[in-house]
Structure formats: C-alpha cells, structure tokens
Amino acid sequence: MLTPQINLLVIRTTQPKALAAFYELFGMRFNYHRHGNGPYHYAAEMGNFIFEIYPSLKSQVEVDKSTRLGFIVDDLEKLVGSLEEYNIKITKAPSKTEWGLQAIITDLDGRKIELTQA
C-alpha cells in the first residue's frame, strides 16, 4: 500500500500579491498563473509539493486563520532577524523544542507558521 504524501496546499486571501511577497521572504518563488478559466493565483513548487495562494471566494466573509503551516528552513536565527526588519509578528522567538530549533510567526492574514531549522 502506498503511503500518502501531501503534494498540494491552497490557502485563500484577500491580498494574494502581498501574501506571496510575504512567503517569498522564506525563499519561495511564485509563478502567477491560472488553470483554464479559473482565477489567477500564485504557485510555488518545492520538490513534489505545491503551495498555492488563491484570492478569497466571493462567499467568504473572512479568510481562514485556523490553518497552521510549518516550513523547514536552513538558518532560523537569520530568517527571524530579517523578518523582524519587515515588522513581521514573531509569536514565539527561536527556541529549542523536541523538533529542533523552532520559532512561530504570523502571516499577513493571521495564520500561525512554525519555522523549524533543518
């Protein structure tokens, strides 16, 4: 039996361009495109994983803030330092955890993001 692997995550926002720029601070590179007649959106490929940022649906009253994301990064201290220069909210400063050196930040929509040093 094949072990499931996540290969796609889509988040929605009222500010797709700004959110893509935010995630680019981590080193992601986004393409702006659309599939057929669908909405234009941003997509970043990371190996077999695709992270997409779509505009909010017209029926959405507000964006989902309960989704928690996690990314493995090379140099956590350096990244957090550069994020502070952009006034990004650092919810939890880098500290040692059972998963390694980890920090928690908040994206522009209020989602918590775990950053863990590789």
N, C-alpha and C. Protein backbone atom coordinates (compact mmCIF):
# COMPACT_ATOMS: atom_id res chain seq x y z
N MET A 1 0.85 -1.19 0.00
CA MET A 1 0.00 0.00 0.00
C MET A 1 0.89 1.25 0.00
N LEU A 2 0.55 2.21 -0.82
CA LEU A 2 1.29 3.46 -0.94
C LEU A 2 1.04 4.34 0.28
N THR A 3 2.11 4.88 0.84
CA THR A 3 1.99 5.81 1.96
C THR A 3 1.58 7.18 1.41
N PRO A 4 0.51 7.78 1.92
CA PRO A 4 0.08 9.09 1.42
C PRO A 4 1.15 10.15 1.67
N GLN A 5 1.29 11.06 0.73
CA GLN A 5 2.19 12.19 0.86
C GLN A 5 1.44 13.44 0.42
N ILE A 6 1.57 14.49 1.18
CA ILE A 6 0.91 15.73 0.79
C ILE A 6 1.68 16.35 -0.38
N ASN A 7 0.95 16.79 -1.41
CA ASN A 7 1.62 17.40 -2.56
C ASN A 7 1.01 18.75 -2.95
N LEU A 8 -0.06 19.17 -2.25
CA LEU A 8 -0.69 20.43 -2.58
C LEU A 8 -1.33 21.05 -1.34
N LEU A 9 -1.14 22.35 -1.20
CA LEU A 9 -1.83 23.12 -0.17
C LEU A 9 -2.27 24.43 -0.80
N VAL A 10 -3.54 24.76 -0.65
CA VAL A 10 -4.09 26.00 -1.18
C VAL A 10 -4.61 26.82 0.00
N ILE A 11 -4.16 28.07 0.08
CA ILE A 11 -4.73 28.99 1.05
C ILE A 11 -5.37 30.13 0.28
N ARG A 12 -6.35 30.77 0.90
CA ARG A 12 -7.07 31.87 0.25
C ARG A 12 -6.87 33.14 1.07
N THR A 13 -6.87 34.26 0.35
CA THR A 13 -6.62 35.54 0.99
C THR A 13 -7.25 36.68 0.20
N THR A 14 -7.46 37.79 0.86
CA THR A 14 -7.95 38.99 0.18
C THR A 14 -6.79 39.78 -0.43
N GLN A 15 -5.56 39.36 -0.13
CA GLN A 15 -4.37 40.08 -0.59
C GLN A 15 -3.32 39.11 -1.16
N PRO A 16 -3.63 38.42 -2.27
CA PRO A 16 -2.73 37.40 -2.79
C PRO A 16 -1.33 37.90 -3.14
N LYS A 17 -1.22 39.05 -3.76
CA LYS A 17 0.10 39.56 -4.16
C LYS A 17 0.97 39.84 -2.93
N ALA A 18 0.40 40.49 -1.92
CA ALA A 18 1.14 40.81 -0.70
C ALA A 18 1.51 39.53 0.06
N LEU A 19 0.61 38.55 0.08
CA LEU A 19 0.90 37.30 0.80
C LEU A 19 1.99 36.50 0.08
N ALA A 20 1.97 36.51 -1.25
CA ALA A 20 3.04 35.84 -1.99
C ALA A 20 4.37 36.51 -1.68
N ALA A 21 4.41 37.83 -1.64
CA ALA A 21 5.64 38.56 -1.30
C ALA A 21 6.10 38.20 0.11
N PHE A 22 5.16 38.05 1.04
CA PHE A 22 5.49 37.64 2.41
C PHE A 22 6.19 36.28 2.41
N TYR A 23 5.60 35.29 1.74
CA TYR A 23 6.18 33.94 1.73
C TYR A 23 7.49 33.89 0.93
N GLU A 24 7.69 34.82 0.02
CA GLU A 24 8.97 34.89 -0.69
C GLU A 24 10.11 35.27 0.24
N LEU A 25 9.79 35.89 1.39
CA LEU A 25 10.84 36.19 2.37
C LEU A 25 11.49 34.92 2.89
N PHE A 26 10.81 33.77 2.77
CA PHE A 26 11.36 32.49 3.21
C PHE A 26 12.20 31.84 2.11
N GLY A 27 12.23 32.45 0.93
CA GLY A 27 12.98 31.88 -0.18
C GLY A 27 12.12 31.19 -1.22
N MET A 28 10.80 31.21 -1.06
CA MET A 28 9.92 30.61 -2.06
C MET A 28 9.88 31.50 -3.30
N ARG A 29 9.65 30.88 -4.45
CA ARG A 29 9.50 31.62 -5.69
C ARG A 29 8.16 31.24 -6.31
N PHE A 30 7.32 32.24 -6.53
CA PHE A 30 5.97 32.01 -7.02
C PHE A 30 5.83 32.34 -8.50
N ASN A 31 5.00 31.57 -9.17
CA ASN A 31 4.55 31.88 -10.52
C ASN A 31 3.12 32.37 -10.40
N TYR A 32 2.78 33.35 -11.22
CA TYR A 32 1.41 33.88 -11.24
C TYR A 32 0.75 33.35 -12.50
N HIS A 33 -0.29 32.55 -12.33
CA HIS A 33 -0.92 31.94 -13.49
C HIS A 33 -2.35 31.50 -13.16
N ARG A 34 -2.97 30.88 -14.12
CA ARG A 34 -4.30 30.32 -13.91
C ARG A 34 -4.43 29.03 -14.69
N HIS A 35 -5.38 28.22 -14.28
CA HIS A 35 -5.67 26.96 -14.96
C HIS A 35 -7.00 27.13 -15.69
N GLY A 36 -6.98 27.08 -17.01
CA GLY A 36 -8.21 27.24 -17.78
C GLY A 36 -8.88 28.56 -17.49
N ASN A 37 -10.15 28.51 -17.08
CA ASN A 37 -10.91 29.71 -16.77
C ASN A 37 -10.91 30.05 -15.28
N GLY A 38 -10.10 29.32 -14.50
CA GLY A 38 -10.04 29.56 -13.06
C GLY A 38 -9.40 30.90 -12.74
N PRO A 39 -9.38 31.25 -11.48
CA PRO A 39 -8.80 32.54 -11.07
C PRO A 39 -7.27 32.54 -11.16
N TYR A 40 -6.71 33.70 -11.41
CA TYR A 40 -5.27 33.85 -11.33
C TYR A 40 -4.85 33.64 -9.88
N HIS A 41 -3.72 33.01 -9.70
CA HIS A 41 -3.21 32.71 -8.36
C HIS A 41 -1.71 32.56 -8.40
N TYR A 42 -1.10 32.46 -7.22
CA TYR A 42 0.33 32.28 -7.08
C TYR A 42 0.62 30.83 -6.70
N ALA A 43 1.66 30.26 -7.30
CA ALA A 43 2.03 28.87 -7.00
C ALA A 43 3.55 28.77 -6.86
N ALA A 44 3.97 28.10 -5.80
CA ALA A 44 5.40 27.84 -5.56
C ALA A 44 5.59 26.33 -5.50
N GLU A 45 6.54 25.83 -6.26
CA GLU A 45 6.86 24.40 -6.24
C GLU A 45 8.07 24.18 -5.35
N MET A 46 7.93 23.20 -4.45
CA MET A 46 9.01 22.82 -3.54
C MET A 46 9.12 21.30 -3.62
N GLY A 47 9.99 20.82 -4.50
CA GLY A 47 10.07 19.38 -4.72
C GLY A 47 8.76 18.89 -5.30
N ASN A 48 8.15 17.90 -4.66
CA ASN A 48 6.87 17.36 -5.11
C ASN A 48 5.68 18.07 -4.49
N PHE A 49 5.93 19.15 -3.77
CA PHE A 49 4.88 19.88 -3.05
C PHE A 49 4.62 21.21 -3.74
N ILE A 50 3.34 21.55 -3.90
CA ILE A 50 2.96 22.84 -4.49
C ILE A 50 2.15 23.62 -3.46
N PHE A 51 2.57 24.84 -3.22
CA PHE A 51 1.91 25.74 -2.29
C PHE A 51 1.27 26.85 -3.11
N GLU A 52 -0.07 26.98 -3.02
CA GLU A 52 -0.77 27.95 -3.84
C GLU A 52 -1.51 28.98 -2.99
N ILE A 53 -1.52 30.20 -3.49
CA ILE A 53 -2.24 31.30 -2.84
C ILE A 53 -3.29 31.79 -3.82
N TYR A 54 -4.55 31.58 -3.45
CA TYR A 54 -5.69 31.97 -4.28
C TYR A 54 -6.40 33.16 -3.67
N PRO A 55 -7.08 33.94 -4.50
CA PRO A 55 -7.91 35.00 -3.92
C PRO A 55 -9.09 34.38 -3.17
N SER A 56 -9.58 35.09 -2.19
CA SER A 56 -10.74 34.64 -1.42
C SER A 56 -11.94 34.44 -2.34
N LEU A 57 -12.79 33.50 -1.95
CA LEU A 57 -14.05 33.32 -2.66
C LEU A 57 -14.97 34.49 -2.34
N LYS A 58 -15.82 34.84 -3.27
CA LYS A 58 -16.76 35.94 -3.03
C LYS A 58 -17.68 35.64 -1.85
N SER A 59 -17.92 34.35 -1.60
CA SER A 59 -18.80 33.97 -0.49
C SER A 59 -18.11 33.98 0.87
N GLN A 60 -16.79 34.14 0.89
CA GLN A 60 -16.05 34.15 2.15
C GLN A 60 -16.21 35.47 2.87
N VAL A 61 -16.60 35.41 4.11
CA VAL A 61 -16.72 36.62 4.92
C VAL A 61 -15.34 37.05 5.40
N GLU A 62 -14.52 36.08 5.79
CA GLU A 62 -13.14 36.36 6.18
C GLU A 62 -12.28 35.13 5.86
N VAL A 63 -10.98 35.34 5.80
CA VAL A 63 -10.09 34.23 5.46
C VAL A 63 -9.89 33.31 6.67
N ASP A 64 -9.54 32.07 6.39
CA ASP A 64 -9.29 31.08 7.44
C ASP A 64 -7.99 31.40 8.16
N LYS A 65 -8.08 31.62 9.45
CA LYS A 65 -6.90 31.90 10.27
C LYS A 65 -6.52 30.70 11.12
N SER A 66 -7.31 29.62 11.03
CA SER A 66 -7.05 28.46 11.89
C SER A 66 -6.04 27.50 11.27
N THR A 67 -5.79 27.62 9.97
CA THR A 67 -4.80 26.75 9.34
C THR A 67 -3.42 27.12 9.86
N ARG A 68 -2.68 26.12 10.31
CA ARG A 68 -1.33 26.36 10.81
C ARG A 68 -0.36 25.69 9.85
N LEU A 69 0.62 26.45 9.40
CA LEU A 69 1.59 25.96 8.43
C LEU A 69 2.93 25.72 9.10
N GLY A 70 3.75 24.90 8.51
CA GLY A 70 5.10 24.65 9.02
C GLY A 70 6.07 24.53 7.87
N PHE A 71 7.23 25.16 8.02
CA PHE A 71 8.26 25.11 7.00
C PHE A 71 9.62 24.82 7.65
N ILE A 72 10.41 24.03 6.98
CA ILE A 72 11.79 23.77 7.41
C ILE A 72 12.67 24.79 6.70
N VAL A 73 13.52 25.45 7.46
CA VAL A 73 14.40 26.48 6.91
C VAL A 73 15.85 26.17 7.28
N ASP A 74 16.78 26.77 6.54
CA ASP A 74 18.20 26.50 6.77
C ASP A 74 18.77 27.22 7.99
N ASP A 75 18.53 28.52 8.09
CA ASP A 75 19.13 29.33 9.15
C ASP A 75 18.02 30.12 9.84
N LEU A 76 17.45 29.55 10.88
CA LEU A 76 16.29 30.13 11.55
C LEU A 76 16.60 31.50 12.15
N GLU A 77 17.71 31.61 12.86
CA GLU A 77 18.06 32.89 13.51
C GLU A 77 18.17 34.02 12.47
N LYS A 78 18.83 33.74 11.36
CA LYS A 78 18.99 34.75 10.30
C LYS A 78 17.64 35.11 9.70
N LEU A 79 16.80 34.10 9.43
CA LEU A 79 15.49 34.36 8.85
C LEU A 79 14.62 35.20 9.79
N VAL A 80 14.58 34.83 11.06
CA VAL A 80 13.77 35.59 12.02
C VAL A 80 14.28 37.02 12.13
N GLY A 81 15.59 37.20 12.11
CA GLY A 81 16.16 38.55 12.13
C GLY A 81 15.70 39.38 10.94
N SER A 82 15.70 38.78 9.75
CA SER A 82 15.26 39.52 8.57
C SER A 82 13.75 39.77 8.59
N LEU A 83 12.99 38.85 9.15
CA LEU A 83 11.55 39.05 9.26
C LEU A 83 11.23 40.19 10.22
N GLU A 84 12.01 40.31 11.29
CA GLU A 84 11.80 41.41 12.24
C GLU A 84 12.02 42.76 11.57
N GLU A 85 12.96 42.81 10.61
CA GLU A 85 13.22 44.06 9.88
C GLU A 85 12.00 44.47 9.07
N TYR A 86 11.17 43.51 8.67
CA TYR A 86 9.94 43.79 7.91
C TYR A 86 8.72 43.93 8.83
N ASN A 87 8.97 43.98 10.13
CA ASN A 87 7.90 44.10 11.14
C ASN A 87 6.92 42.94 11.10
N ILE A 88 7.42 41.75 10.78
CA ILE A 88 6.60 40.54 10.79
C ILE A 88 6.43 40.13 12.25
N LYS A 89 5.21 39.76 12.63
CA LYS A 89 4.92 39.40 14.01
C LYS A 89 5.57 38.06 14.36
N ILE A 90 6.49 38.09 15.32
CA ILE A 90 7.14 36.89 15.84
C ILE A 90 6.36 36.49 17.08
N THR A 91 5.58 35.42 16.98
CA THR A 91 4.74 34.97 18.08
C THR A 91 5.58 34.27 19.15
N LYS A 92 6.58 33.50 18.71
CA LYS A 92 7.47 32.80 19.63
C LYS A 92 8.88 32.86 19.06
N ALA A 93 9.80 33.47 19.80
CA ALA A 93 11.19 33.60 19.37
C ALA A 93 11.82 32.21 19.22
N PRO A 94 12.88 32.10 18.43
CA PRO A 94 13.54 30.80 18.26
C PRO A 94 13.92 30.19 19.61
N SER A 95 13.56 28.93 19.77
CA SER A 95 13.92 28.20 20.98
C SER A 95 14.03 26.72 20.64
N LYS A 96 14.74 25.99 21.51
CA LYS A 96 14.89 24.56 21.31
C LYS A 96 13.62 23.85 21.70
N THR A 97 13.14 22.97 20.83
CA THR A 97 11.96 22.16 21.11
C THR A 97 12.32 20.70 20.83
N GLU A 98 11.38 19.81 21.05
CA GLU A 98 11.65 18.40 20.75
C GLU A 98 11.80 18.17 19.25
N TRP A 99 11.38 19.13 18.41
CA TRP A 99 11.51 19.02 16.96
C TRP A 99 12.73 19.77 16.44
N GLY A 100 13.50 20.38 17.32
CA GLY A 100 14.67 21.16 16.94
C GLY A 100 14.45 22.64 17.23
N LEU A 101 15.33 23.48 16.69
CA LEU A 101 15.21 24.92 16.88
C LEU A 101 13.98 25.40 16.10
N GLN A 102 13.08 26.10 16.80
CA GLN A 102 11.80 26.45 16.19
C GLN A 102 11.34 27.83 16.63
N ALA A 103 10.67 28.53 15.71
CA ALA A 103 10.03 29.81 16.01
C ALA A 103 8.63 29.78 15.41
N ILE A 104 7.77 30.64 15.91
CA ILE A 104 6.43 30.74 15.37
C ILE A 104 6.19 32.20 15.01
N ILE A 105 5.73 32.41 13.79
CA ILE A 105 5.42 33.75 13.31
C ILE A 105 3.97 33.77 12.84
N THR A 106 3.50 34.93 12.47
CA THR A 106 2.13 35.08 11.98
C THR A 106 2.17 35.72 10.59
N ASP A 107 1.43 35.14 9.64
CA ASP A 107 1.41 35.72 8.30
C ASP A 107 0.46 36.92 8.26
N LEU A 108 0.34 37.55 7.11
CA LEU A 108 -0.44 38.78 6.97
C LEU A 108 -1.93 38.59 7.26
N ASP A 109 -2.42 37.35 7.14
CA ASP A 109 -3.82 37.06 7.41
C ASP A 109 -4.06 36.57 8.83
N GLY A 110 -2.99 36.34 9.59
CA GLY A 110 -3.14 35.87 10.97
C GLY A 110 -2.91 34.39 11.17
N ARG A 111 -2.49 33.66 10.12
CA ARG A 111 -2.17 32.24 10.27
C ARG A 111 -0.85 32.08 10.99
N LYS A 112 -0.77 31.14 11.91
CA LYS A 112 0.49 30.85 12.58
C LYS A 112 1.34 29.94 11.70
N ILE A 113 2.63 30.22 11.69
CA ILE A 113 3.57 29.46 10.88
C ILE A 113 4.72 29.01 11.77
N GLU A 114 4.94 27.70 11.81
CA GLU A 114 6.09 27.15 12.53
C GLU A 114 7.28 27.11 11.59
N LEU A 115 8.37 27.71 12.00
CA LEU A 115 9.61 27.65 11.25
C LEU A 115 10.57 26.79 12.06
N THR A 116 11.06 25.73 11.45
CA THR A 116 11.97 24.79 12.11
C THR A 116 13.26 24.73 11.34
N GLN A 117 14.37 24.84 12.05
CA GLN A 117 15.68 24.77 11.38
C GLN A 117 16.00 23.32 11.01
N ALA A 118 16.46 23.16 9.78
CA ALA A 118 16.81 21.83 9.27
C ALA A 118 17.99 21.25 10.02
